Protein backbone atom coordinates (compact mmCIF):
# COMPACT_ATOMS: atom_id res chain seq x y z
CA UNK A 1 -2.85 -7.14 89.91
CA UNK A 2 -0.77 -6.58 86.84
CA UNK A 3 -2.26 -6.56 83.32
CA UNK A 4 -0.51 -8.39 80.49
CA UNK A 5 -0.21 -6.14 77.44
CA UNK A 6 0.33 -7.91 74.07
CA UNK A 7 2.17 -5.88 71.45
CA UNK A 8 1.62 -6.82 67.83
CA UNK A 9 4.47 -5.85 65.57
CA UNK A 10 3.39 -5.42 61.91
CA UNK A 11 5.41 -7.33 59.34
CA UNK A 12 6.26 -5.77 56.01
CA UNK A 13 6.89 -7.88 52.88
CA UNK A 14 9.17 -6.38 50.29
CA UNK A 15 8.11 -7.31 46.78
CA UNK A 16 10.62 -7.04 43.98
CA UNK A 17 9.51 -6.60 40.39
CA UNK A 18 10.50 -9.16 37.81
CA UNK A 19 11.65 -8.05 34.40
CA UNK A 20 12.78 -9.85 31.28
CA UNK A 21 15.10 -6.96 30.48
CA UNK A 22 18.85 -7.56 30.86
CA UNK A 23 20.38 -5.96 33.94
CA UNK A 24 23.78 -4.47 34.63
CA UNK A 25 25.97 -5.63 37.55
CA UNK A 26 24.50 -2.77 39.58
CA UNK A 27 20.85 -3.29 38.67
CA UNK A 28 19.65 -1.00 41.45
CA UNK A 29 20.94 2.01 39.53
CA UNK A 30 19.81 0.88 36.06
CA UNK A 31 16.53 2.42 34.78
CA UNK A 32 13.87 0.04 33.46
CA UNK A 33 14.22 -0.38 29.72
CA UNK A 34 11.14 0.01 27.53
CA UNK A 35 11.18 -1.74 24.18
CA UNK A 36 10.33 0.59 21.30
CA UNK A 37 7.45 -0.47 19.04
CA UNK A 38 8.51 -2.09 15.77
CA UNK A 39 8.16 -0.13 12.53
CA UNK A 40 5.29 -1.22 10.30
CA UNK A 41 4.64 -0.75 6.60
CA UNK A 42 2.52 2.29 5.79
CA UNK A 43 -1.01 1.81 4.54
CA UNK A 44 -2.08 3.65 1.40
CA UNK A 45 -4.98 4.99 -0.58
CA UNK A 46 -5.27 5.20 -4.37
CA UNK A 47 -7.08 8.27 -5.71
CA UNK A 48 -8.67 7.90 -9.15
CA UNK A 49 -9.80 11.09 -10.96
CA UNK A 50 -13.55 11.63 -11.25
CA UNK A 51 -12.95 13.48 -14.50
CA UNK A 52 -11.89 10.39 -16.40
CA UNK A 53 -12.52 11.01 -20.09
CA UNK A 54 -9.85 9.14 -22.04
CA UNK A 55 -8.65 7.10 -19.07
CA UNK A 56 -8.49 3.32 -19.31
CA UNK A 57 -8.63 2.82 -15.53
CA UNK A 58 -11.69 4.53 -14.07
CA UNK A 59 -13.23 4.54 -10.59
CA UNK A 60 -16.66 3.34 -9.49
CA UNK A 61 -17.45 6.90 -8.38
CA UNK A 62 -17.76 5.99 -4.69
CA UNK A 63 -16.11 7.65 -1.66
CA UNK A 64 -15.55 10.96 -3.41
CA UNK A 65 -13.12 13.51 -2.01
CA UNK A 66 -12.47 16.62 -4.06
CA UNK A 67 -11.61 15.62 -7.61
CA UNK A 68 -11.08 11.95 -6.77
CA UNK A 69 -12.79 8.69 -5.96
CA UNK A 70 -10.69 7.34 -3.07
CA UNK A 71 -9.82 3.67 -2.53
CA UNK A 72 -8.61 3.79 1.08
CA UNK A 73 -7.12 0.96 3.11
CA UNK A 74 -9.64 -0.50 5.53
CA UNK A 75 -12.67 1.06 3.86
CA UNK A 76 -15.24 -1.16 2.17
CA UNK A 77 -12.92 -4.16 1.94
CA UNK A 78 -10.00 -2.28 0.37
CA UNK A 79 -6.45 -3.18 1.40
CA UNK A 80 -3.67 -0.77 0.46
CA UNK A 81 -0.04 -1.10 1.51
CA UNK A 82 3.44 0.14 0.63
CA UNK A 83 6.14 -2.45 1.36
CA UNK A 84 8.54 0.27 2.47
CA UNK A 85 10.10 -1.30 5.56
CA UNK A 86 11.66 -4.52 6.78
CA UNK A 87 8.37 -5.34 8.53
CA UNK A 88 7.38 -7.05 5.27
CA UNK A 89 9.13 -7.87 2.03
CA UNK A 90 10.77 -4.42 1.76
CA UNK A 91 10.21 -4.68 -2.00
CA UNK A 92 9.03 -1.09 -2.23
CA UNK A 93 5.86 -2.14 -4.06
CA UNK A 94 2.61 -0.24 -3.53
CA UNK A 95 -0.35 -2.62 -3.74
CA UNK A 96 -4.12 -2.21 -3.68
CA UNK A 97 -6.63 -5.04 -3.36
CA UNK A 98 -10.37 -4.51 -3.67
CA UNK A 99 -12.33 -7.08 -1.68
CA UNK A 100 -15.77 -7.52 -0.17
CA UNK A 101 -16.46 -5.23 2.77
CA UNK A 102 -19.15 -5.32 5.44
CA UNK A 103 -22.80 -5.48 4.38
CA UNK A 104 -21.84 -6.34 0.82
CA UNK A 105 -19.82 -3.17 0.22
CA UNK A 106 -17.60 -3.90 -2.80
CA UNK A 107 -15.28 -1.48 -4.61
CA UNK A 108 -14.66 -1.95 -8.31
CA UNK A 109 -12.73 -0.39 -11.17
CA UNK A 110 -13.94 0.22 -14.69
CA UNK A 111 -11.50 -0.78 -17.40
CA UNK A 112 -12.18 0.79 -20.79
CA UNK A 113 -10.40 -0.75 -23.78
CA UNK A 114 -9.51 1.35 -26.83
CA UNK A 115 -11.36 -1.04 -29.19
CA UNK A 116 -14.65 -0.65 -27.33
CA UNK A 117 -15.19 -3.22 -24.54
CA UNK A 118 -15.74 -1.92 -20.99
CA UNK A 119 -15.71 -4.05 -17.83
CA UNK A 120 -16.38 -3.43 -14.13
CA UNK A 121 -14.05 -5.56 -11.99
CA UNK A 122 -12.39 -5.96 -8.64
CA UNK A 123 -8.63 -6.01 -8.94
CA UNK A 124 -5.23 -6.45 -7.34
CA UNK A 125 -3.02 -3.58 -8.53
CA UNK A 126 0.72 -3.32 -8.02
CA UNK A 127 2.96 -0.33 -8.68
CA UNK A 128 6.46 -1.74 -8.38
CA UNK A 129 9.39 -0.21 -6.48
CA UNK A 130 7.80 2.93 -5.11
CA UNK A 131 9.85 3.13 -1.90
CA UNK A 132 11.85 0.80 0.33
CA UNK A 133 14.39 1.22 3.12
CA UNK A 134 17.19 1.20 0.54
CA UNK A 135 15.86 3.50 -2.21
CA UNK A 136 13.47 6.44 -2.55
CA UNK A 137 12.20 8.78 -5.26
CA UNK A 138 13.19 12.37 -4.36
CA UNK A 139 10.39 14.93 -4.16
CA UNK A 140 9.96 16.50 -7.60
CA UNK A 141 11.71 13.65 -9.43
CA UNK A 142 10.03 11.52 -12.10
CA UNK A 143 11.02 7.90 -12.73
CA UNK A 144 9.79 4.96 -14.79
CA UNK A 145 8.08 2.11 -12.95
CA UNK A 146 6.14 -1.06 -13.73
CA UNK A 147 2.40 -1.24 -13.10
CA UNK A 148 0.23 -4.33 -13.02
CA UNK A 149 -3.58 -4.27 -13.07
CA UNK A 150 -4.70 -7.78 -12.22
CA UNK A 151 -8.43 -8.51 -12.06
CA UNK A 152 -7.71 -12.17 -12.83
CA UNK A 153 -6.07 -12.68 -9.42
CA UNK A 154 -9.54 -12.66 -7.84
CA UNK A 155 -11.49 -15.90 -8.25
CA UNK A 156 -14.89 -15.74 -9.97
CA UNK A 157 -13.96 -12.35 -11.38
CA UNK A 158 -14.13 -12.51 -15.20
CA UNK A 159 -11.80 -10.15 -17.01
CA UNK A 160 -10.93 -9.75 -20.66
CA UNK A 161 -7.18 -9.59 -20.14
CA UNK A 162 -6.72 -11.38 -16.82
CA UNK A 163 -3.77 -9.04 -16.23
CA UNK A 164 -2.56 -5.80 -17.83
CA UNK A 165 1.18 -5.13 -17.86
CA UNK A 166 2.78 -1.69 -18.09
CA UNK A 167 6.49 -2.54 -18.34
CA UNK A 168 8.46 -5.77 -18.57
CA UNK A 169 8.57 -7.79 -15.35
CA UNK A 170 11.37 -9.87 -13.86
CA UNK A 171 9.74 -13.05 -15.18
CA UNK A 172 9.46 -11.62 -18.71
CA UNK A 173 5.79 -10.63 -18.62
CA UNK A 174 4.84 -7.41 -20.39
CA UNK A 175 7.12 -7.66 -23.41
CA UNK A 176 6.32 -4.83 -25.81
CA UNK A 177 4.66 -2.62 -23.20
CA UNK A 178 5.76 0.72 -21.75
CA UNK A 179 6.42 1.64 -18.14
CA UNK A 180 4.44 4.38 -16.42
CA UNK A 181 5.84 7.60 -15.01
CA UNK A 182 5.87 8.21 -11.24
CA UNK A 183 6.47 11.68 -9.81
CA UNK A 184 6.90 12.17 -6.08
CA UNK A 185 4.98 15.27 -5.08
CA UNK A 186 5.49 15.23 -1.28
CA UNK A 187 6.78 13.05 1.54
CA UNK A 188 3.60 10.96 1.34
CA UNK A 189 2.22 11.30 -2.22
CA UNK A 190 3.12 10.12 -5.71
CA UNK A 191 1.43 10.95 -9.02
CA UNK A 192 1.27 8.06 -11.49
CA UNK A 193 0.50 8.39 -15.19
CA UNK A 194 1.17 6.61 -18.43
CA UNK A 195 3.48 8.13 -20.99
CA UNK A 196 1.93 10.17 -23.81
CA UNK A 197 0.65 8.29 -26.88
CA UNK A 198 2.12 6.27 -28.57
CA UNK A 199 4.33 5.30 -25.63
CA UNK A 200 1.41 4.22 -23.43
CA UNK A 201 1.42 0.61 -24.56
CA UNK A 202 0.08 -2.10 -22.26
CA UNK A 203 0.13 -5.88 -22.76
CA UNK A 204 -3.12 -7.79 -22.36
CA UNK A 205 -1.89 -11.09 -20.94
CA UNK A 206 -4.87 -13.28 -21.88
CA UNK A 207 -4.70 -12.64 -25.61
CA UNK A 208 -1.10 -11.38 -25.84
CA UNK A 209 -2.24 -8.17 -27.50
CA UNK A 210 -0.73 -4.71 -27.13
CA UNK A 211 -3.13 -1.78 -26.58
CA UNK A 212 -2.55 1.93 -26.09
CA UNK A 213 -4.18 2.78 -22.75
CA UNK A 214 -3.96 5.87 -20.56
CA UNK A 215 -3.86 5.80 -16.75
CA UNK A 216 -3.59 8.58 -14.18
CA UNK A 217 -3.97 8.39 -10.39
CA UNK A 218 -2.39 9.36 -7.06
CA UNK A 219 -0.99 7.10 -4.34
CA UNK A 220 -1.02 8.55 -0.82
CA UNK A 221 0.64 6.94 2.20
CA UNK A 222 -0.90 7.30 5.65
CA UNK A 223 2.30 8.91 6.94
CA UNK A 224 5.33 10.76 5.66
CA UNK A 225 8.09 8.47 4.42
CA UNK A 226 11.84 9.17 4.40
CA UNK A 227 13.14 11.48 1.70
CA UNK A 228 16.48 9.66 1.53
CA UNK A 229 17.56 6.02 2.10
């Protein structure tokens, strides 16, 4: 009596990967392309001296590091950015916004006016044209730049001047004021200071009054930026 033997032949399914990458006529010999991540604008911190006698822009004394009170992007509601790439406006501006962080953590600045008044405020600050993809400040070079200190941009935030202008803006604001001096000290840091008296004039926008006010601070990017366009 013969026995019937059944043979099962396994079947193999070949699966081909799908890709949205363009292929060459001979796609079997073309390596898979990986898209590089897009470049983003660097974040930034502003470092205000703790030794601040004579300064018009003072820190709140929080988040101390060495000789500075540090306003760092992402910490306690602070947002700091340098518009240095085409990921954003590419204006080159370095901005700092103090907001409300978690658990009520709020960073403020103290503004001391030469005629006596002192105020503690949140602020949107803008140092214009620090670095973009088309222009840079060489290391060791010092240039003039505009600086805006703008507590009035934040609602429910009373401020004597609404906005302080160092330098004349594109829309004509700041007439009669002086620009500040910016010195690049490394691939990622810039020292900012007003000119010596009497060339440290700032315009108080709310009352259209010129004051002599001294500022000094450091801007530090979170990564090295190009040293040439």
